[in-house]
Amino acid sequence: MNLAAIKAWVNIAAAVAALVAAGLWWKASTVVVRPTEETDRDGWQSAQITVDHESTGPFDPFLTGIKQSQMNKWAAMAASLAALLQGIGLLLPGDECPPTPH
């Protein structure tokens, strides 16, 4: 595999990582965790704080925040990978810009 092909694959991998990051950040901004209806062995239902929003319905704001944080972590890692690959792609020789005519 020649250097131009390696550079092309690095750029493709950077684009894929950037798209993954964008998808994860979009999902993190829209995810909601619904309240549970679980009861313990004695038949008691645990206390919960919920928010009932007109566009999403009832959700648990604390568990939703935890889920969003987890997804944001993965999105940040994908964005970091995209930036790293872009940097590597820029440092690889080849495809230099031609000199500008005067």
C-alpha atoms as a PDB file:
ATOM      1  CA  MET A   1       0.000   0.000   0.000  1.00  0.00           C
ATOM      2  CA  ASN A   2       1.469   3.348  -0.991  1.00  0.00           C
ATOM      3  CA  LEU A   3       1.505   6.503   1.112  1.00  0.00           C
ATOM      4  CA  ALA A   4      -1.339   8.136  -0.804  1.00  0.00           C
ATOM      5  CA  ALA A   5      -3.598   5.158  -0.073  1.00  0.00           C
ATOM      6  CA  ILE A   6      -2.654   5.231   3.621  1.00  0.00           C
ATOM      7  CA  LYS A   7      -3.430   8.938   3.756  1.00  0.00           C
ATOM      8  CA  ALA A   8      -6.789   8.346   2.065  1.00  0.00           C
ATOM      9  CA  TRP A   9      -7.694   5.612   4.565  1.00  0.00           C
ATOM     10  CA  VAL A  10      -6.656   7.805   7.495  1.00  0.00           C
ATOM     11  CA  ASN A  11      -8.906  10.578   6.171  1.00  0.00           C
ATOM     12  CA  ILE A  12     -11.792   8.155   5.669  1.00  0.00           C
ATOM     13  CA  ALA A  13     -11.343   6.852   9.237  1.00  0.00           C
ATOM     14  CA  ALA A  14     -11.334  10.450  10.529  1.00  0.00           C
ATOM     15  CA  ALA A  15     -14.581  11.173   8.689  1.00  0.00           C
ATOM     16  CA  VAL A  16     -16.212   8.019  10.057  1.00  0.00           C
ATOM     17  CA  ALA A  17     -15.118   8.873  13.613  1.00  0.00           C
ATOM     18  CA  ALA A  18     -16.518  12.397  13.194  1.00  0.00           C
ATOM     19  CA  LEU A  19     -19.855  11.019  11.970  1.00  0.00           C
ATOM     20  CA  VAL A  20     -19.986   8.591  14.903  1.00  0.00           C
ATOM     21  CA  ALA A  21     -19.321  11.485  17.296  1.00  0.00           C
ATOM     22  CA  ALA A  22     -22.072  13.557  15.691  1.00  0.00           C
ATOM     23  CA  GLY A  23     -24.540  10.681  15.948  1.00  0.00           C
ATOM     24  CA  LEU A  24     -23.686  10.005  19.571  1.00  0.00           C
ATOM     25  CA  TRP A  25     -24.011  13.674  20.497  1.00  0.00           C
ATOM     26  CA  TRP A  26     -27.374  13.892  18.748  1.00  0.00           C
ATOM     27  CA  LYS A  27     -28.562  10.768  20.571  1.00  0.00           C
ATOM     28  CA  ALA A  28     -27.234  12.091  23.893  1.00  0.00           C
ATOM     29  CA  SER A  29     -29.252  15.272  23.409  1.00  0.00           C
ATOM     30  CA  THR A  30     -32.491  13.381  22.806  1.00  0.00           C
ATOM     31  CA  VAL A  31     -32.263  10.363  25.115  1.00  0.00           C
ATOM     32  CA  VAL A  32     -34.709  10.101  28.014  1.00  0.00           C
ATOM     33  CA  VAL A  33     -34.977   7.450  30.707  1.00  0.00           C
ATOM     34  CA  ARG A  34     -38.543   6.598  31.638  1.00  0.00           C
ATOM     35  CA  PRO A  35     -39.527   6.088  35.279  1.00  0.00           C
ATOM     36  CA  THR A  36     -39.647   2.475  36.401  1.00  0.00           C
ATOM     37  CA  GLU A  37     -42.678   0.735  37.802  1.00  0.00           C
ATOM     38  CA  GLU A  38     -40.657  -1.869  39.700  1.00  0.00           C
ATOM     39  CA  THR A  39     -41.672  -3.000  43.149  1.00  0.00           C
ATOM     40  CA  ASP A  40     -39.502  -4.685  45.749  1.00  0.00           C
ATOM     41  CA  ARG A  41     -40.225  -8.124  47.216  1.00  0.00           C
ATOM     42  CA  ASP A  42     -42.551  -6.592  49.834  1.00  0.00           C
ATOM     43  CA  GLY A  43     -44.655  -4.890  47.171  1.00  0.00           C
ATOM     44  CA  TRP A  44     -43.329  -1.382  47.768  1.00  0.00           C
ATOM     45  CA  GLN A  45     -42.555   0.892  44.893  1.00  0.00           C
ATOM     46  CA  SER A  46     -39.473   3.074  45.321  1.00  0.00           C
ATOM     47  CA  ALA A  47     -39.843   6.851  45.439  1.00  0.00           C
ATOM     48  CA  GLN A  48     -38.906   8.647  42.247  1.00  0.00           C
ATOM     49  CA  ILE A  49     -38.620  12.187  41.029  1.00  0.00           C
ATOM     50  CA  THR A  50     -39.987  12.547  37.526  1.00  0.00           C
ATOM     51  CA  VAL A  51     -40.592  15.365  35.106  1.00  0.00           C
ATOM     52  CA  ASP A  52     -43.580  15.286  32.794  1.00  0.00           C
ATOM     53  CA  HIS A  53     -42.699  17.281  29.694  1.00  0.00           C
ATOM     54  CA  GLU A  54     -45.274  17.829  26.964  1.00  0.00           C
ATOM     55  CA  SER A  55     -42.949  16.749  24.154  1.00  0.00           C
ATOM     56  CA  THR A  56     -41.267  13.746  25.811  1.00  0.00           C
ATOM     57  CA  GLY A  57     -43.724  12.593  28.442  1.00  0.00           C
ATOM     58  CA  PRO A  58     -42.621  11.534  31.922  1.00  0.00           C
ATOM     59  CA  PHE A  59     -38.914  10.863  32.487  1.00  0.00           C
ATOM     60  CA  ASP A  60     -36.411  10.510  35.316  1.00  0.00           C
ATOM     61  CA  PRO A  61     -34.147  13.593  35.143  1.00  0.00           C
ATOM     62  CA  PHE A  62     -31.336  12.027  37.185  1.00  0.00           C
ATOM     63  CA  LEU A  63     -31.081   8.761  35.256  1.00  0.00           C
ATOM     64  CA  THR A  64     -31.494  10.721  32.016  1.00  0.00           C
ATOM     65  CA  GLY A  65     -28.554  12.929  33.000  1.00  0.00           C
ATOM     66  CA  ILE A  66     -26.427   9.873  33.789  1.00  0.00           C
ATOM     67  CA  LYS A  67     -27.293   8.293  30.420  1.00  0.00           C
ATOM     68  CA  GLN A  68     -26.541  11.556  28.591  1.00  0.00           C
ATOM     69  CA  SER A  69     -23.209  11.822  30.383  1.00  0.00           C
ATOM     70  CA  GLN A  70     -22.250   8.296  29.368  1.00  0.00           C
ATOM     71  CA  MET A  71     -23.151   8.946  25.734  1.00  0.00           C
ATOM     72  CA  ASN A  72     -21.293  12.288  25.774  1.00  0.00           C
ATOM     73  CA  LYS A  73     -18.190  10.450  26.995  1.00  0.00           C
ATOM     74  CA  TRP A  74     -18.286   8.093  24.006  1.00  0.00           C
ATOM     75  CA  ALA A  75     -18.978  10.996  21.626  1.00  0.00           C
ATOM     76  CA  ALA A  76     -15.996  12.925  23.002  1.00  0.00           C
ATOM     77  CA  MET A  77     -13.756   9.887  22.538  1.00  0.00           C
ATOM     78  CA  ALA A  78     -14.925   9.517  18.919  1.00  0.00           C
ATOM     79  CA  ALA A  79     -14.318  13.230  18.300  1.00  0.00           C
ATOM     80  CA  SER A  80     -10.843  12.923  19.833  1.00  0.00           C
ATOM     81  CA  LEU A  81     -10.092  10.008  17.536  1.00  0.00           C
ATOM     82  CA  ALA A  82     -11.311  12.032  14.542  1.00  0.00           C
ATOM     83  CA  ALA A  83      -9.066  14.949  15.491  1.00  0.00           C
ATOM     84  CA  LEU A  84      -6.082  12.647  16.022  1.00  0.00           C
ATOM     85  CA  LEU A  85      -6.607  10.979  12.646  1.00  0.00           C
ATOM     86  CA  GLN A  86      -6.998  14.350  10.936  1.00  0.00           C
ATOM     87  CA  GLY A  87      -3.743  15.488  12.483  1.00  0.00           C
ATOM     88  CA  ILE A  88      -1.984  12.331  11.327  1.00  0.00           C
ATOM     89  CA  GLY A  89      -3.456  12.789   7.854  1.00  0.00           C
ATOM     90  CA  LEU A  90      -2.132  16.337   7.683  1.00  0.00           C
ATOM     91  CA  LEU A  91       1.338  15.228   8.749  1.00  0.00           C
ATOM     92  CA  LEU A  92       1.598  12.481   6.146  1.00  0.00           C
ATOM     93  CA  PRO A  93       3.464  13.658   3.057  1.00  0.00           C
ATOM     94  CA  GLY A  94       1.703  13.888  -0.274  1.00  0.00           C
ATOM     95  CA  ASP A  95      -1.094  15.904  -1.860  1.00  0.00           C
ATOM     96  CA  GLU A  96       0.666  19.177  -1.200  1.00  0.00           C
ATOM     97  CA  CYS A  97      -1.046  22.273  -2.488  1.00  0.00           C
ATOM     98  CA  PRO A  98       0.431  23.503  -5.767  1.00  0.00           C
ATOM     99  CA  PRO A  99       2.139  26.901  -5.685  1.00  0.00           C
ATOM    100  CA  THR A 100      -0.175  29.769  -6.386  1.00  0.00           C
ATOM    101  CA  PRO A 101       0.375  31.551  -9.704  1.00  0.00           C
ATOM    102  CA  HIS A 102       1.473  35.169  -9.576  1.00  0.00           C
END
